[in-house]
Amino acid sequence: MLLKYKDGKKEILIKADTLSDFEKGKKIELAEIVLTNLLGEEKVMNELDYLDVLEIDESPYNTQGIKDLDKHLDHLKKDA
């Protein structure tokens, strides 16, 4: 889930059942690696402000696959 707040900051909430066996800090570290590989280090560093990894049943948000995240970030950037 990609969220954009009123102050323009962006947060990504990730749910992944494959991360359920890891502690919270390790989950976030692994999610950062995946995002960096998917989006590139520059985009992760410059365009994302927050990252959290949620438990599978923890989020009330409708989620989408991560493959279109780059397009969604670009769309938010154009609307800024």
PDB file of N, CA and C in Angstrom:
ATOM      1  N   MET A   1       0.839  -1.167   0.000  1.00  0.00           N
ATOM      2  CA  MET A   1       0.000   0.000   0.000  1.00  0.00           C
ATOM      3  C   MET A   1       0.889   1.235   0.000  1.00  0.00           C
ATOM      4  N   LEU A   2       0.637   2.149  -0.879  1.00  0.00           N
ATOM      5  CA  LEU A   2       1.366   3.403  -0.960  1.00  0.00           C
ATOM      6  C   LEU A   2       0.452   4.508  -0.449  1.00  0.00           C
ATOM      7  N   LEU A   3       0.915   5.221   0.571  1.00  0.00           N
ATOM      8  CA  LEU A   3       0.129   6.307   1.158  1.00  0.00           C
ATOM      9  C   LEU A   3       0.857   7.627   0.945  1.00  0.00           C
ATOM     10  N   LYS A   4       0.086   8.679   0.680  1.00  0.00           N
ATOM     11  CA  LYS A   4       0.659  10.019   0.594  1.00  0.00           C
ATOM     12  C   LYS A   4      -0.097  10.890   1.588  1.00  0.00           C
ATOM     13  N   TYR A   5       0.646  11.551   2.455  1.00  0.00           N
ATOM     14  CA  TYR A   5       0.059  12.374   3.496  1.00  0.00           C
ATOM     15  C   TYR A   5      -0.075  13.820   3.038  1.00  0.00           C
ATOM     16  N   LYS A   6      -0.842  14.602   3.780  1.00  0.00           N
ATOM     17  CA  LYS A   6      -1.089  16.003   3.424  1.00  0.00           C
ATOM     18  C   LYS A   6       0.195  16.821   3.318  1.00  0.00           C
ATOM     19  N   ASP A   7       1.213  16.449   4.095  1.00  0.00           N
ATOM     20  CA  ASP A   7       2.477  17.182   4.045  1.00  0.00           C
ATOM     21  C   ASP A   7       3.370  16.737   2.888  1.00  0.00           C
ATOM     22  N   GLY A   8       2.854  15.818   2.042  1.00  0.00           N
ATOM     23  CA  GLY A   8       3.591  15.365   0.864  1.00  0.00           C
ATOM     24  C   GLY A   8       4.468  14.148   1.103  1.00  0.00           C
ATOM     25  N   LYS A   9       4.600  13.733   2.347  1.00  0.00           N
ATOM     26  CA  LYS A   9       5.429  12.560   2.652  1.00  0.00           C
ATOM     27  C   LYS A   9       4.714  11.300   2.196  1.00  0.00           C
ATOM     28  N   LYS A  10       5.524  10.304   1.821  1.00  0.00           N
ATOM     29  CA  LYS A  10       4.979   9.042   1.310  1.00  0.00           C
ATOM     30  C   LYS A  10       5.428   7.875   2.190  1.00  0.00           C
ATOM     31  N   GLU A  11       4.512   6.936   2.374  1.00  0.00           N
ATOM     32  CA  GLU A  11       4.798   5.746   3.170  1.00  0.00           C
ATOM     33  C   GLU A  11       4.358   4.515   2.392  1.00  0.00           C
ATOM     34  N   ILE A  12       5.147   3.480   2.510  1.00  0.00           N
ATOM     35  CA  ILE A  12       4.782   2.195   1.924  1.00  0.00           C
ATOM     36  C   ILE A  12       4.526   1.224   3.065  1.00  0.00           C
ATOM     37  N   LEU A  13       3.377   0.584   3.005  1.00  0.00           N
ATOM     38  CA  LEU A  13       3.033  -0.483   3.937  1.00  0.00           C
ATOM     39  C   LEU A  13       3.079  -1.787   3.150  1.00  0.00           C
ATOM     40  N   ILE A  14       3.860  -2.717   3.628  1.00  0.00           N
ATOM     41  CA  ILE A  14       4.039  -3.988   2.928  1.00  0.00           C
ATOM     42  C   ILE A  14       3.501  -5.116   3.783  1.00  0.00           C
ATOM     43  N   LYS A  15       2.760  -6.005   3.133  1.00  0.00           N
ATOM     44  CA  LYS A  15       2.315  -7.242   3.777  1.00  0.00           C
ATOM     45  C   LYS A  15       2.924  -8.397   2.985  1.00  0.00           C
ATOM     46  N   ALA A  16       3.557  -9.307   3.693  1.00  0.00           N
ATOM     47  CA  ALA A  16       4.164 -10.451   3.014  1.00  0.00           C
ATOM     48  C   ALA A  16       4.164 -11.642   3.953  1.00  0.00           C
ATOM     49  N   ASP A  17       3.423 -12.664   3.595  1.00  0.00           N
ATOM     50  CA  ASP A  17       3.373 -13.840   4.461  1.00  0.00           C
ATOM     51  C   ASP A  17       4.719 -14.544   4.553  1.00  0.00           C
ATOM     52  N   THR A  18       5.578 -14.331   3.582  1.00  0.00           N
ATOM     53  CA  THR A  18       6.898 -14.969   3.609  1.00  0.00           C
ATOM     54  C   THR A  18       7.825 -14.343   4.648  1.00  0.00           C
ATOM     55  N   LEU A  19       7.446 -13.192   5.187  1.00  0.00           N
ATOM     56  CA  LEU A  19       8.264 -12.532   6.201  1.00  0.00           C
ATOM     57  C   LEU A  19       7.766 -12.786   7.623  1.00  0.00           C
ATOM     58  N   SER A  20       6.718 -13.551   7.772  1.00  0.00           N
ATOM     59  CA  SER A  20       6.082 -13.715   9.086  1.00  0.00           C
ATOM     60  C   SER A  20       6.986 -14.341  10.143  1.00  0.00           C
ATOM     61  N   ASP A  21       7.990 -15.084   9.772  1.00  0.00           N
ATOM     62  CA  ASP A  21       8.869 -15.733  10.749  1.00  0.00           C
ATOM     63  C   ASP A  21       9.995 -14.829  11.248  1.00  0.00           C
ATOM     64  N   PHE A  22      10.134 -13.639  10.686  1.00  0.00           N
ATOM     65  CA  PHE A  22      11.218 -12.743  11.055  1.00  0.00           C
ATOM     66  C   PHE A  22      10.759 -11.715  12.091  1.00  0.00           C
ATOM     67  N   GLU A  23      11.711 -11.196  12.871  1.00  0.00           N
ATOM     68  CA  GLU A  23      11.400 -10.115  13.803  1.00  0.00           C
ATOM     69  C   GLU A  23      11.194  -8.830  13.009  1.00  0.00           C
ATOM     70  N   LYS A  24      10.538  -7.840  13.612  1.00  0.00           N
ATOM     71  CA  LYS A  24      10.136  -6.609  12.930  1.00  0.00           C
ATOM     72  C   LYS A  24      11.313  -5.902  12.231  1.00  0.00           C
ATOM     73  N   GLY A  25      12.428  -5.736  12.913  1.00  0.00           N
ATOM     74  CA  GLY A  25      13.571  -5.054  12.313  1.00  0.00           C
ATOM     75  C   GLY A  25      14.095  -5.749  11.078  1.00  0.00           C
ATOM     76  N   LYS A  26      14.129  -7.066  11.112  1.00  0.00           N
ATOM     77  CA  LYS A  26      14.595  -7.848   9.965  1.00  0.00           C
ATOM     78  C   LYS A  26      13.601  -7.755   8.808  1.00  0.00           C
ATOM     79  N   LYS A  27      12.296  -7.731   9.132  1.00  0.00           N
ATOM     80  CA  LYS A  27      11.277  -7.589   8.089  1.00  0.00           C
ATOM     81  C   LYS A  27      11.479  -6.286   7.321  1.00  0.00           C
ATOM     82  N   ILE A  28      11.713  -5.211   8.061  1.00  0.00           N
ATOM     83  CA  ILE A  28      11.901  -3.908   7.420  1.00  0.00           C
ATOM     84  C   ILE A  28      13.178  -3.902   6.587  1.00  0.00           C
ATOM     85  N   GLU A  29      14.238  -4.493   7.111  1.00  0.00           N
ATOM     86  CA  GLU A  29      15.494  -4.577   6.358  1.00  0.00           C
ATOM     87  C   GLU A  29      15.302  -5.336   5.047  1.00  0.00           C
ATOM     88  N   LEU A  30      14.595  -6.449   5.099  1.00  0.00           N
ATOM     89  CA  LEU A  30      14.341  -7.235   3.890  1.00  0.00           C
ATOM     90  C   LEU A  30      13.444  -6.476   2.912  1.00  0.00           C
ATOM     91  N   ALA A  31      12.454  -5.773   3.428  1.00  0.00           N
ATOM     92  CA  ALA A  31      11.570  -4.979   2.572  1.00  0.00           C
ATOM     93  C   ALA A  31      12.351  -3.861   1.884  1.00  0.00           C
ATOM     94  N   GLU A  32      13.279  -3.236   2.601  1.00  0.00           N
ATOM     95  CA  GLU A  32      14.119  -2.192   2.000  1.00  0.00           C
ATOM     96  C   GLU A  32      14.964  -2.760   0.862  1.00  0.00           C
ATOM     97  N   ILE A  33      15.476  -3.956   1.040  1.00  0.00           N
ATOM     98  CA  ILE A  33      16.268  -4.599  -0.021  1.00  0.00           C
ATOM     99  C   ILE A  33      15.409  -4.847  -1.251  1.00  0.00           C
ATOM    100  N   VAL A  34      14.199  -5.363  -1.049  1.00  0.00           N
ATOM    101  CA  VAL A  34      13.293  -5.625  -2.173  1.00  0.00           C
ATOM    102  C   VAL A  34      12.948  -4.322  -2.883  1.00  0.00           C
ATOM    103  N   LEU A  35      12.608  -3.290  -2.118  1.00  0.00           N
ATOM    104  CA  LEU A  35      12.258  -2.005  -2.737  1.00  0.00           C
ATOM    105  C   LEU A  35      13.429  -1.401  -3.503  1.00  0.00           C
ATOM    106  N   THR A  36      14.613  -1.500  -2.938  1.00  0.00           N
ATOM    107  CA  THR A  36      15.803  -0.977  -3.619  1.00  0.00           C
ATOM    108  C   THR A  36      16.046  -1.712  -4.926  1.00  0.00           C
ATOM    109  N   ASN A  37      15.853  -3.019  -4.922  1.00  0.00           N
ATOM    110  CA  ASN A  37      16.023  -3.791  -6.155  1.00  0.00           C
ATOM    111  C   ASN A  37      14.937  -3.485  -7.172  1.00  0.00           C
ATOM    112  N   LEU A  38      13.752  -3.217  -6.705  1.00  0.00           N
ATOM    113  CA  LEU A  38      12.626  -2.952  -7.596  1.00  0.00           C
ATOM    114  C   LEU A  38      12.649  -1.527  -8.150  1.00  0.00           C
ATOM    115  N   LEU A  39      12.933  -0.562  -7.288  1.00  0.00           N
ATOM    116  CA  LEU A  39      12.819   0.847  -7.662  1.00  0.00           C
ATOM    117  C   LEU A  39      14.146   1.538  -7.933  1.00  0.00           C
ATOM    118  N   GLY A  40      15.206   1.015  -7.350  1.00  0.00           N
ATOM    119  CA  GLY A  40      16.510   1.664  -7.422  1.00  0.00           C
ATOM    120  C   GLY A  40      16.765   2.450  -6.144  1.00  0.00           C
ATOM    121  N   GLU A  41      18.034   2.502  -5.764  1.00  0.00           N
ATOM    122  CA  GLU A  41      18.409   3.133  -4.508  1.00  0.00           C
ATOM    123  C   GLU A  41      18.037   4.620  -4.470  1.00  0.00           C
ATOM    124  N   GLU A  42      18.251   5.325  -5.560  1.00  0.00           N
ATOM    125  CA  GLU A  42      17.969   6.763  -5.589  1.00  0.00           C
ATOM    126  C   GLU A  42      16.491   7.053  -5.322  1.00  0.00           C
ATOM    127  N   LYS A  43      15.610   6.301  -5.966  1.00  0.00           N
ATOM    128  CA  LYS A  43      14.179   6.523  -5.787  1.00  0.00           C
ATOM    129  C   LYS A  43      13.748   6.199  -4.355  1.00  0.00           C
ATOM    130  N   VAL A  44      14.276   5.126  -3.800  1.00  0.00           N
ATOM    131  CA  VAL A  44      13.932   4.763  -2.425  1.00  0.00           C
ATOM    132  C   VAL A  44      14.398   5.856  -1.470  1.00  0.00           C
ATOM    133  N   MET A  45      15.608   6.332  -1.661  1.00  0.00           N
ATOM    134  CA  MET A  45      16.172   7.347  -0.763  1.00  0.00           C
ATOM    135  C   MET A  45      15.465   8.699  -0.904  1.00  0.00           C
ATOM    136  N   ASN A  46      15.105   9.080  -2.127  1.00  0.00           N
ATOM    137  CA  ASN A  46      14.572  10.419  -2.374  1.00  0.00           C
ATOM    138  C   ASN A  46      13.058  10.532  -2.352  1.00  0.00           C
ATOM    139  N   GLU A  47      12.351   9.443  -2.583  1.00  0.00           N
ATOM    140  CA  GLU A  47      10.906   9.555  -2.742  1.00  0.00           C
ATOM    141  C   GLU A  47      10.085   8.850  -1.664  1.00  0.00           C
ATOM    142  N   LEU A  48      10.711   8.049  -0.840  1.00  0.00           N
ATOM    143  CA  LEU A  48       9.972   7.360   0.213  1.00  0.00           C
ATOM    144  C   LEU A  48      10.422   7.861   1.573  1.00  0.00           C
ATOM    145  N   ASP A  49       9.458   8.200   2.397  1.00  0.00           N
ATOM    146  CA  ASP A  49       9.771   8.743   3.708  1.00  0.00           C
ATOM    147  C   ASP A  49       9.623   7.706   4.820  1.00  0.00           C
ATOM    148  N   TYR A  50       8.680   6.810   4.653  1.00  0.00           N
ATOM    149  CA  TYR A  50       8.411   5.823   5.691  1.00  0.00           C
ATOM    150  C   TYR A  50       8.168   4.459   5.061  1.00  0.00           C
ATOM    151  N   LEU A  51       8.496   3.427   5.822  1.00  0.00           N
ATOM    152  CA  LEU A  51       8.266   2.049   5.397  1.00  0.00           C
ATOM    153  C   LEU A  51       7.864   1.247   6.622  1.00  0.00           C
ATOM    154  N   ASP A  52       6.844   0.438   6.464  1.00  0.00           N
ATOM    155  CA  ASP A  52       6.458  -0.456   7.551  1.00  0.00           C
ATOM    156  C   ASP A  52       6.026  -1.777   6.942  1.00  0.00           C
ATOM    157  N   VAL A  53       6.289  -2.843   7.670  1.00  0.00           N
ATOM    158  CA  VAL A  53       5.873  -4.182   7.259  1.00  0.00           C
ATOM    159  C   VAL A  53       4.799  -4.623   8.237  1.00  0.00           C
ATOM    160  N   LEU A  54       3.623  -4.904   7.699  1.00  0.00           N
ATOM    161  CA  LEU A  54       2.478  -5.277   8.514  1.00  0.00           C
ATOM    162  C   LEU A  54       2.296  -6.781   8.556  1.00  0.00           C
ATOM    163  N   GLU A  55       1.653  -7.233   9.595  1.00  0.00           N
ATOM    164  CA  GLU A  55       1.241  -8.634   9.650  1.00  0.00           C
ATOM    165  C   GLU A  55       0.125  -8.826   8.627  1.00  0.00           C
ATOM    166  N   ILE A  56      -0.026 -10.022   8.147  1.00  0.00           N
ATOM    167  CA  ILE A  56      -0.989 -10.308   7.078  1.00  0.00           C
ATOM    168  C   ILE A  56      -2.402  -9.851   7.432  1.00  0.00           C
ATOM    169  N   ASP A  57      -2.837 -10.063   8.657  1.00  0.00           N
ATOM    170  CA  ASP A  57      -4.203  -9.715   9.039  1.00  0.00           C
ATOM    171  C   ASP A  57      -4.302  -8.348   9.716  1.00  0.00           C
ATOM    172  N   GLU A  58      -3.252  -7.548   9.676  1.00  0.00           N
ATOM    173  CA  GLU A  58      -3.174  -6.301  10.425  1.00  0.00           C
ATOM    174  C   GLU A  58      -3.693  -5.080   9.670  1.00  0.00           C
ATOM    175  N   SER A  59      -3.821  -5.134   8.392  1.00  0.00           N
ATOM    176  CA  SER A  59      -4.119  -3.938   7.616  1.00  0.00           C
ATOM    177  C   SER A  59      -5.566  -3.894   7.123  1.00  0.00           C
ATOM    178  N   PRO A  60      -6.233  -2.745   7.338  1.00  0.00           N
ATOM    179  CA  PRO A  60      -7.589  -2.574   6.804  1.00  0.00           C
ATOM    180  C   PRO A  60      -7.583  -2.088   5.355  1.00  0.00           C
ATOM    181  N   TYR A  61      -6.406  -1.803   4.798  1.00  0.00           N
ATOM    182  CA  TYR A  61      -6.291  -1.249   3.454  1.00  0.00           C
ATOM    183  C   TYR A  61      -6.438  -2.330   2.392  1.00  0.00           C
ATOM    184  N   ASN A  62      -6.975  -1.911   1.243  1.00  0.00           N
ATOM    185  CA  ASN A  62      -6.950  -2.779   0.076  1.00  0.00           C
ATOM    186  C   ASN A  62      -5.533  -2.726  -0.475  1.00  0.00           C
ATOM    187  N   THR A  63      -4.984  -3.859  -0.773  1.00  0.00           N
ATOM    188  CA  THR A  63      -3.599  -3.897  -1.227  1.00  0.00           C
ATOM    189  C   THR A  63      -3.515  -4.258  -2.701  1.00  0.00           C
ATOM    190  N   GLN A  64      -2.370  -3.943  -3.280  1.00  0.00           N
ATOM    191  CA  GLN A  64      -2.084  -4.273  -4.673  1.00  0.00           C
ATOM    192  C   GLN A  64      -0.714  -4.905  -4.732  1.00  0.00           C
ATOM    193  N   GLY A  65      -0.432  -5.570  -5.829  1.00  0.00           N
ATOM    194  CA  GLY A  65       0.876  -6.156  -6.034  1.00  0.00           C
ATOM    195  C   GLY A  65       1.954  -5.094  -6.114  1.00  0.00           C
ATOM    196  N   ILE A  66       3.145  -5.474  -5.770  1.00  0.00           N
ATOM    197  CA  ILE A  66       4.268  -4.535  -5.705  1.00  0.00           C
ATOM    198  C   ILE A  66       4.830  -4.192  -7.084  1.00  0.00           C
ATOM    199  N   LYS A  67       4.464  -4.958  -8.094  1.00  0.00           N
ATOM    200  CA  LYS A  67       5.066  -4.766  -9.415  1.00  0.00           C
ATOM    201  C   LYS A  67       4.747  -3.413 -10.043  1.00  0.00           C
ATOM    202  N   ASP A  68       3.630  -2.778  -9.663  1.00  0.00           N
ATOM    203  CA  ASP A  68       3.254  -1.485 -10.238  1.00  0.00           C
ATOM    204  C   ASP A  68       3.627  -0.306  -9.337  1.00  0.00           C
ATOM    205  N   LEU A  69       4.377  -0.556  -8.282  1.00  0.00           N
ATOM    206  CA  LEU A  69       4.735   0.489  -7.330  1.00  0.00           C
ATOM    207  C   LEU A  69       5.470   1.649  -7.986  1.00  0.00           C
ATOM    208  N   ASP A  70       6.377   1.360  -8.878  1.00  0.00           N
ATOM    209  CA  ASP A  70       7.140   2.407  -9.563  1.00  0.00           C
ATOM    210  C   ASP A  70       6.209   3.361 -10.309  1.00  0.00           C
ATOM    211  N   LYS A  71       5.214   2.828 -11.003  1.00  0.00           N
ATOM    212  CA  LYS A  71       4.245   3.654 -11.728  1.00  0.00           C
ATOM    213  C   LYS A  71       3.429   4.508 -10.768  1.00  0.00           C
ATOM    214  N   HIS A  72       3.032   3.938  -9.634  1.00  0.00           N
ATOM    215  CA  HIS A  72       2.254   4.681  -8.647  1.00  0.00           C
ATOM    216  C   HIS A  72       3.069   5.830  -8.052  1.00  0.00           C
ATOM    217  N   LEU A  73       4.336   5.590  -7.773  1.00  0.00           N
ATOM    218  CA  LEU A  73       5.208   6.660  -7.266  1.00  0.00           C
ATOM    219  C   LEU A  73       5.348   7.777  -8.290  1.00  0.00           C
ATOM    220  N   ASP A  74       5.533   7.421  -9.545  1.00  0.00           N
ATOM    221  CA  ASP A  74       5.637   8.429 -10.599  1.00  0.00           C
ATOM    222  C   ASP A  74       4.343   9.247 -10.705  1.00  0.00           C
ATOM    223  N   HIS A  75       3.214   8.572 -10.557  1.00  0.00           N
ATOM    224  CA  HIS A  75       1.917   9.266 -10.620  1.00  0.00           C
ATOM    225  C   HIS A  75       1.797  10.266  -9.465  1.00  0.00           C
ATOM    226  N   LEU A  76       2.185   9.847  -8.256  1.00  0.00           N
ATOM    227  CA  LEU A  76       2.142  10.764  -7.113  1.00  0.00           C
ATOM    228  C   LEU A  76       3.066  11.954  -7.311  1.00  0.00           C
ATOM    229  N   LYS A  77       4.217  11.715  -7.917  1.00  0.00           N
ATOM    230  CA  LYS A  77       5.189  12.774  -8.147  1.00  0.00           C
ATOM    231  C   LYS A  77       4.613  13.825  -9.116  1.00  0.00           C
ATOM    232  N   LYS A  78       3.871  13.375 -10.136  1.00  0.00           N
ATOM    233  CA  LYS A  78       3.283  14.283 -11.108  1.00  0.00           C
ATOM    234  C   LYS A  78       2.165  15.120 -10.470  1.00  0.00           C
ATOM    235  N   ASP A  79       1.464  14.518  -9.501  1.00  0.00           N
ATOM    236  CA  ASP A  79       0.352  15.215  -8.848  1.00  0.00           C
ATOM    237  C   ASP A  79       0.811  16.154  -7.746  1.00  0.00           C
ATOM    238  N   ALA A  80       2.101  16.155  -7.434  1.00  0.00           N
ATOM    239  CA  ALA A  80       2.599  16.970  -6.308  1.00  0.00           C
ATOM    240  C   ALA A  80       2.481  18.450  -6.564  1.00  0.00           C
TER     241      ALA A  80
END
